[in-house]
Amino acid sequence: MVPSTDIPTLAVLEYIPYLDQDGQLPADLAGKIGVYAIFNQEKTLKLIGYSRDIYLSLKQHLVRQLNECYWVKAQVIERPNRTLLEDIKTSWIQESGTIPVGNSIDDAKWNQPIDAKLAMTEAEKAKLDVLDELELSKLFKNVARRVEAQILAELESRGVKSEIRFNPKLKENGLLDLK
């Protein structure tokens, strides 16, 4: 995780635990621009991404794909340079020999807000056609809160201690994303 403009191979970078012994994400990546690779518990590559704040991106991925986030490798760069970020990402994908699921079939699961509406009960779905806009918003918000509580409980059981706050505005649309 040395700041650089060179393209290191993914193989030479060290695995960093996603969560330290205190249940915190790697604080030294906070506010850092760079490319990162996420691995599951067996160190199978799941996603390669880049960000203007690696720490915040890792937190977002943890909330969305808790059971796939156990290890990370990161390359920090000093100045924002989209071309360099893309080049590193492409190089790592080529090096891995396959496109990680988070960059292909599971892209939305890793990179889009959580659609809490998918967890609606049959009774809630039955109300969709009869509710007005305000009631619909309340229904979506309640479903989002229920899914949020489940996610927070799963994070707690994994030992996550980092503060997790969801954007309250998105809940009205049945979506969950970090604030």
C-alpha atoms as a PDB file:
ATOM      1  CA  MET A   1       0.000   0.000   0.000  1.00  0.00           C
ATOM      2  CA  VAL A   2       2.802   2.402  -0.923  1.00  0.00           C
ATOM      3  CA  PRO A   3       1.717   5.633  -2.671  1.00  0.00           C
ATOM      4  CA  SER A   4       2.876   5.447  -6.258  1.00  0.00           C
ATOM      5  CA  THR A   5       2.169   6.099  -9.896  1.00  0.00           C
ATOM      6  CA  ASP A   6       3.621   2.729 -10.937  1.00  0.00           C
ATOM      7  CA  ILE A   7       1.323  -0.183 -11.607  1.00  0.00           C
ATOM      8  CA  PRO A   8       2.168  -2.887  -9.086  1.00  0.00           C
ATOM      9  CA  THR A   9       0.973  -6.404  -9.661  1.00  0.00           C
ATOM     10  CA  LEU A  10      -1.836  -7.524  -7.427  1.00  0.00           C
ATOM     11  CA  ALA A  11       0.309 -10.489  -6.357  1.00  0.00           C
ATOM     12  CA  VAL A  12       2.991  -8.277  -4.723  1.00  0.00           C
ATOM     13  CA  LEU A  13       0.547  -6.351  -2.543  1.00  0.00           C
ATOM     14  CA  GLU A  14      -0.096  -7.618   0.958  1.00  0.00           C
ATOM     15  CA  TYR A  15      -3.483  -8.780   2.154  1.00  0.00           C
ATOM     16  CA  ILE A  16      -4.972  -6.370   4.685  1.00  0.00           C
ATOM     17  CA  PRO A  17      -7.712  -7.663   7.001  1.00  0.00           C
ATOM     18  CA  TYR A  18     -11.002  -5.963   6.114  1.00  0.00           C
ATOM     19  CA  LEU A  19     -11.668  -5.530   9.818  1.00  0.00           C
ATOM     20  CA  ASP A  20      -9.005  -5.184  12.490  1.00  0.00           C
ATOM     21  CA  GLN A  21      -9.193  -6.764  15.957  1.00  0.00           C
ATOM     22  CA  ASP A  22     -11.292  -3.786  17.109  1.00  0.00           C
ATOM     23  CA  GLY A  23     -13.888  -4.241  14.353  1.00  0.00           C
ATOM     24  CA  GLN A  24     -12.674  -1.199  12.386  1.00  0.00           C
ATOM     25  CA  LEU A  25     -11.957  -0.900   8.678  1.00  0.00           C
ATOM     26  CA  PRO A  26      -8.374   0.036   7.629  1.00  0.00           C
ATOM     27  CA  ALA A  27      -8.198   3.633   8.908  1.00  0.00           C
ATOM     28  CA  ASP A  28      -5.023   4.380   6.961  1.00  0.00           C
ATOM     29  CA  LEU A  29      -7.095   4.189   3.747  1.00  0.00           C
ATOM     30  CA  ALA A  30      -9.441   6.990   4.870  1.00  0.00           C
ATOM     31  CA  GLY A  31      -9.359   9.860   2.399  1.00  0.00           C
ATOM     32  CA  LYS A  32      -6.923   8.003   0.136  1.00  0.00           C
ATOM     33  CA  ILE A  33      -7.343   7.839  -3.632  1.00  0.00           C
ATOM     34  CA  GLY A  34      -6.539   4.539  -5.262  1.00  0.00           C
ATOM     35  CA  VAL A  35      -7.440   1.103  -6.505  1.00  0.00           C
ATOM     36  CA  TYR A  36      -8.503  -1.761  -4.262  1.00  0.00           C
ATOM     37  CA  ALA A  37      -9.244  -5.456  -4.583  1.00  0.00           C
ATOM     38  CA  ILE A  38     -11.680  -7.223  -2.246  1.00  0.00           C
ATOM     39  CA  PHE A  39     -11.378 -10.899  -1.351  1.00  0.00           C
ATOM     40  CA  ASN A  40     -13.627 -13.305   0.518  1.00  0.00           C
ATOM     41  CA  GLN A  41     -12.614 -15.409   3.520  1.00  0.00           C
ATOM     42  CA  GLU A  42     -10.793 -17.925   1.277  1.00  0.00           C
ATOM     43  CA  LYS A  43      -8.933 -15.033  -0.426  1.00  0.00           C
ATOM     44  CA  THR A  44     -10.886 -15.456  -3.664  1.00  0.00           C
ATOM     45  CA  LEU A  45     -10.995 -12.180  -5.599  1.00  0.00           C
ATOM     46  CA  LYS A  46     -14.518 -10.711  -5.619  1.00  0.00           C
ATOM     47  CA  LEU A  47     -14.186  -7.089  -6.805  1.00  0.00           C
ATOM     48  CA  ILE A  48     -11.653  -4.607  -8.131  1.00  0.00           C
ATOM     49  CA  GLY A  49     -12.591  -0.957  -7.833  1.00  0.00           C
ATOM     50  CA  TYR A  50     -11.140   2.503  -7.475  1.00  0.00           C
ATOM     51  CA  SER A  51     -12.179   5.463  -5.418  1.00  0.00           C
ATOM     52  CA  ARG A  52     -11.427   8.989  -4.240  1.00  0.00           C
ATOM     53  CA  ASP A  53     -11.820   7.613  -0.704  1.00  0.00           C
ATOM     54  CA  ILE A  54     -10.957   3.931  -0.485  1.00  0.00           C
ATOM     55  CA  TYR A  55     -12.123   3.712   3.150  1.00  0.00           C
ATOM     56  CA  LEU A  56     -15.649   4.950   2.347  1.00  0.00           C
ATOM     57  CA  SER A  57     -15.884   2.616  -0.634  1.00  0.00           C
ATOM     58  CA  LEU A  58     -14.798  -0.341   1.504  1.00  0.00           C
ATOM     59  CA  LYS A  59     -17.438   0.566   4.072  1.00  0.00           C
ATOM     60  CA  GLN A  60     -20.104   0.732   1.369  1.00  0.00           C
ATOM     61  CA  HIS A  61     -19.078  -2.678  -0.019  1.00  0.00           C
ATOM     62  CA  LEU A  62     -19.053  -4.192   3.478  1.00  0.00           C
ATOM     63  CA  VAL A  63     -22.661  -3.130   4.032  1.00  0.00           C
ATOM     64  CA  ARG A  64     -23.741  -4.442   0.634  1.00  0.00           C
ATOM     65  CA  GLN A  65     -21.745  -7.712   0.584  1.00  0.00           C
ATOM     66  CA  LEU A  66     -20.817  -8.477   4.202  1.00  0.00           C
ATOM     67  CA  ASN A  67     -20.081 -12.160   3.663  1.00  0.00           C
ATOM     68  CA  GLU A  68     -17.690 -11.485   0.761  1.00  0.00           C
ATOM     69  CA  CYS A  69     -15.479  -8.835   2.430  1.00  0.00           C
ATOM     70  CA  TYR A  70     -12.643 -10.349   4.465  1.00  0.00           C
ATOM     71  CA  TRP A  71      -9.420  -9.188   2.808  1.00  0.00           C
ATOM     72  CA  VAL A  72      -8.349  -6.178   0.771  1.00  0.00           C
ATOM     73  CA  LYS A  73      -5.323  -5.144  -1.238  1.00  0.00           C
ATOM     74  CA  ALA A  74      -4.901  -1.493  -2.141  1.00  0.00           C
ATOM     75  CA  GLN A  75      -2.673   0.770  -4.191  1.00  0.00           C
ATOM     76  CA  VAL A  76      -2.831   4.416  -3.131  1.00  0.00           C
ATOM     77  CA  ILE A  77      -2.010   7.157  -5.621  1.00  0.00           C
ATOM     78  CA  GLU A  78      -1.103  10.714  -4.702  1.00  0.00           C
ATOM     79  CA  ARG A  79      -3.160  12.705  -7.208  1.00  0.00           C
ATOM     80  CA  PRO A  80      -6.472  11.948  -8.864  1.00  0.00           C
ATOM     81  CA  ASN A  81      -5.762  10.490 -12.283  1.00  0.00           C
ATOM     82  CA  ARG A  82      -8.647   8.545 -13.777  1.00  0.00           C
ATOM     83  CA  THR A  83      -6.495   7.072 -16.534  1.00  0.00           C
ATOM     84  CA  LEU A  84      -3.998   5.653 -14.034  1.00  0.00           C
ATOM     85  CA  LEU A  85      -6.821   4.297 -11.848  1.00  0.00           C
ATOM     86  CA  GLU A  86      -8.425   2.601 -14.869  1.00  0.00           C
ATOM     87  CA  ASP A  87      -5.046   1.240 -16.005  1.00  0.00           C
ATOM     88  CA  ILE A  88      -4.347  -0.328 -12.601  1.00  0.00           C
ATOM     89  CA  LYS A  89      -7.857  -1.808 -12.418  1.00  0.00           C
ATOM     90  CA  THR A  90      -7.551  -3.259 -15.933  1.00  0.00           C
ATOM     91  CA  SER A  91      -4.075  -4.614 -15.196  1.00  0.00           C
ATOM     92  CA  TRP A  92      -5.270  -6.358 -12.026  1.00  0.00           C
ATOM     93  CA  ILE A  93      -8.275  -7.889 -13.784  1.00  0.00           C
ATOM     94  CA  GLN A  94      -5.986  -9.195 -16.536  1.00  0.00           C
ATOM     95  CA  GLU A  95      -3.539 -10.512 -13.931  1.00  0.00           C
ATOM     96  CA  SER A  96      -6.326 -12.372 -12.123  1.00  0.00           C
ATOM     97  CA  GLY A  97      -7.235 -14.183 -15.341  1.00  0.00           C
ATOM     98  CA  THR A  98     -10.951 -13.655 -14.844  1.00  0.00           C
ATOM     99  CA  ILE A  99     -13.386 -10.818 -14.330  1.00  0.00           C
ATOM    100  CA  PRO A 100     -14.384 -10.804 -10.635  1.00  0.00           C
ATOM    101  CA  VAL A 101     -18.108 -11.335  -9.982  1.00  0.00           C
ATOM    102  CA  GLY A 102     -18.331  -7.846  -8.441  1.00  0.00           C
ATOM    103  CA  ASN A 103     -17.186  -6.409 -11.762  1.00  0.00           C
ATOM    104  CA  SER A 104     -19.547  -8.567 -13.820  1.00  0.00           C
ATOM    105  CA  ILE A 105     -22.677 -10.525 -12.888  1.00  0.00           C
ATOM    106  CA  ASP A 106     -22.898  -9.137  -9.343  1.00  0.00           C
ATOM    107  CA  ASP A 107     -21.953  -5.541 -10.189  1.00  0.00           C
ATOM    108  CA  ALA A 108     -25.250  -4.099  -8.913  1.00  0.00           C
ATOM    109  CA  LYS A 109     -25.000  -6.013  -5.611  1.00  0.00           C
ATOM    110  CA  TRP A 110     -21.581  -4.453  -4.985  1.00  0.00           C
ATOM    111  CA  ASN A 111     -22.087  -0.962  -6.400  1.00  0.00           C
ATOM    112  CA  GLN A 112     -25.745   0.075  -6.265  1.00  0.00           C
ATOM    113  CA  PRO A 113     -27.925   1.023  -3.267  1.00  0.00           C
ATOM    114  CA  ILE A 114     -29.628  -1.916  -1.588  1.00  0.00           C
ATOM    115  CA  ASP A 115     -33.188  -2.313  -2.874  1.00  0.00           C
ATOM    116  CA  ALA A 116     -35.105  -3.044   0.326  1.00  0.00           C
ATOM    117  CA  LYS A 117     -38.319  -3.411  -1.686  1.00  0.00           C
ATOM    118  CA  LEU A 118     -37.108  -6.885  -2.675  1.00  0.00           C
ATOM    119  CA  ALA A 119     -37.731  -7.909   0.958  1.00  0.00           C
ATOM    120  CA  MET A 120     -41.379  -6.871   0.925  1.00  0.00           C
ATOM    121  CA  THR A 121     -43.859  -9.396   2.275  1.00  0.00           C
ATOM    122  CA  GLU A 122     -46.755 -10.604   0.138  1.00  0.00           C
ATOM    123  CA  ALA A 123     -49.106  -8.485   2.287  1.00  0.00           C
ATOM    124  CA  GLU A 124     -46.995  -5.389   1.633  1.00  0.00           C
ATOM    125  CA  LYS A 125     -46.873  -6.116  -2.098  1.00  0.00           C
ATOM    126  CA  ALA A 126     -50.664  -6.463  -2.146  1.00  0.00           C
ATOM    127  CA  LYS A 127     -50.994  -2.873  -0.882  1.00  0.00           C
ATOM    128  CA  LEU A 128     -48.889  -1.328  -3.665  1.00  0.00           C
ATOM    129  CA  ASP A 129     -51.808  -0.657  -6.016  1.00  0.00           C
ATOM    130  CA  VAL A 130     -54.120   0.848  -3.411  1.00  0.00           C
ATOM    131  CA  LEU A 131     -51.810   3.238  -1.556  1.00  0.00           C
ATOM    132  CA  ASP A 132     -51.452   6.897  -2.376  1.00  0.00           C
ATOM    133  CA  GLU A 133     -47.995   8.458  -2.813  1.00  0.00           C
ATOM    134  CA  LEU A 134     -47.571   9.405   0.866  1.00  0.00           C
ATOM    135  CA  GLU A 135     -48.698   5.989   2.143  1.00  0.00           C
ATOM    136  CA  LEU A 136     -46.456   4.287  -0.406  1.00  0.00           C
ATOM    137  CA  SER A 137     -43.507   6.346   0.815  1.00  0.00           C
ATOM    138  CA  LYS A 138     -44.260   5.302   4.414  1.00  0.00           C
ATOM    139  CA  LEU A 139     -44.514   1.646   3.380  1.00  0.00           C
ATOM    140  CA  PHE A 140     -41.156   1.778   1.561  1.00  0.00           C
ATOM    141  CA  LYS A 141     -39.569   3.561   4.527  1.00  0.00           C
ATOM    142  CA  ASN A 142     -40.806   0.860   6.923  1.00  0.00           C
ATOM    143  CA  VAL A 143     -39.520  -1.919   4.685  1.00  0.00           C
ATOM    144  CA  ALA A 144     -36.164  -0.115   4.390  1.00  0.00           C
ATOM    145  CA  ARG A 145     -35.976   0.256   8.185  1.00  0.00           C
ATOM    146  CA  ARG A 146     -36.656  -3.454   8.624  1.00  0.00           C
ATOM    147  CA  VAL A 147     -33.900  -4.383   6.153  1.00  0.00           C
ATOM    148  CA  GLU A 148     -31.586  -1.802   7.754  1.00  0.00           C
ATOM    149  CA  ALA A 149     -32.112  -3.397  11.182  1.00  0.00           C
ATOM    150  CA  GLN A 150     -31.278  -6.808   9.720  1.00  0.00           C
ATOM    151  CA  ILE A 151     -28.100  -5.466   8.059  1.00  0.00           C
ATOM    152  CA  LEU A 152     -26.994  -3.714  11.250  1.00  0.00           C
ATOM    153  CA  ALA A 153     -27.555  -6.921  13.253  1.00  0.00           C
ATOM    154  CA  GLU A 154     -25.477  -8.915  10.741  1.00  0.00           C
ATOM    155  CA  LEU A 155     -22.696  -6.289  10.890  1.00  0.00           C
ATOM    156  CA  GLU A 156     -22.752  -6.415  14.682  1.00  0.00           C
ATOM    157  CA  SER A 157     -22.561 -10.217  14.689  1.00  0.00           C
ATOM    158  CA  ARG A 158     -19.493  -9.962  12.432  1.00  0.00           C
ATOM    159  CA  GLY A 159     -17.920  -7.607  14.986  1.00  0.00           C
ATOM    160  CA  VAL A 160     -18.092  -4.401  12.948  1.00  0.00           C
ATOM    161  CA  LYS A 161     -17.636  -1.366  15.196  1.00  0.00           C
ATOM    162  CA  SER A 162     -17.371   1.337  12.508  1.00  0.00           C
ATOM    163  CA  GLU A 163     -20.265   3.792  12.510  1.00  0.00           C
ATOM    164  CA  ILE A 164     -22.838   2.898   9.870  1.00  0.00           C
ATOM    165  CA  ARG A 165     -25.421   5.538   8.929  1.00  0.00           C
ATOM    166  CA  PHE A 166     -27.858   5.159   6.076  1.00  0.00           C
ATOM    167  CA  ASN A 167     -29.177   8.051   4.008  1.00  0.00           C
ATOM    168  CA  PRO A 168     -32.701   8.725   5.378  1.00  0.00           C
ATOM    169  CA  LYS A 169     -33.941  10.335   2.129  1.00  0.00           C
ATOM    170  CA  LEU A 170     -33.415   7.153   0.124  1.00  0.00           C
ATOM    171  CA  LYS A 171     -35.482   5.067   2.549  1.00  0.00           C
ATOM    172  CA  GLU A 172     -38.649   6.768   1.233  1.00  0.00           C
ATOM    173  CA  ASN A 173     -37.913   5.037  -2.081  1.00  0.00           C
ATOM    174  CA  GLY A 174     -37.149   1.702  -0.424  1.00  0.00           C
ATOM    175  CA  LEU A 175     -33.397   2.059  -0.948  1.00  0.00           C
ATOM    176  CA  LEU A 176     -30.497   1.813   1.481  1.00  0.00           C
ATOM    177  CA  ASP A 177     -27.155   3.499   0.923  1.00  0.00           C
ATOM    178  CA  LEU A 178     -24.640   4.935   3.328  1.00  0.00           C
ATOM    179  CA  LYS A 179     -24.752   8.614   4.069  1.00  0.00           C
END
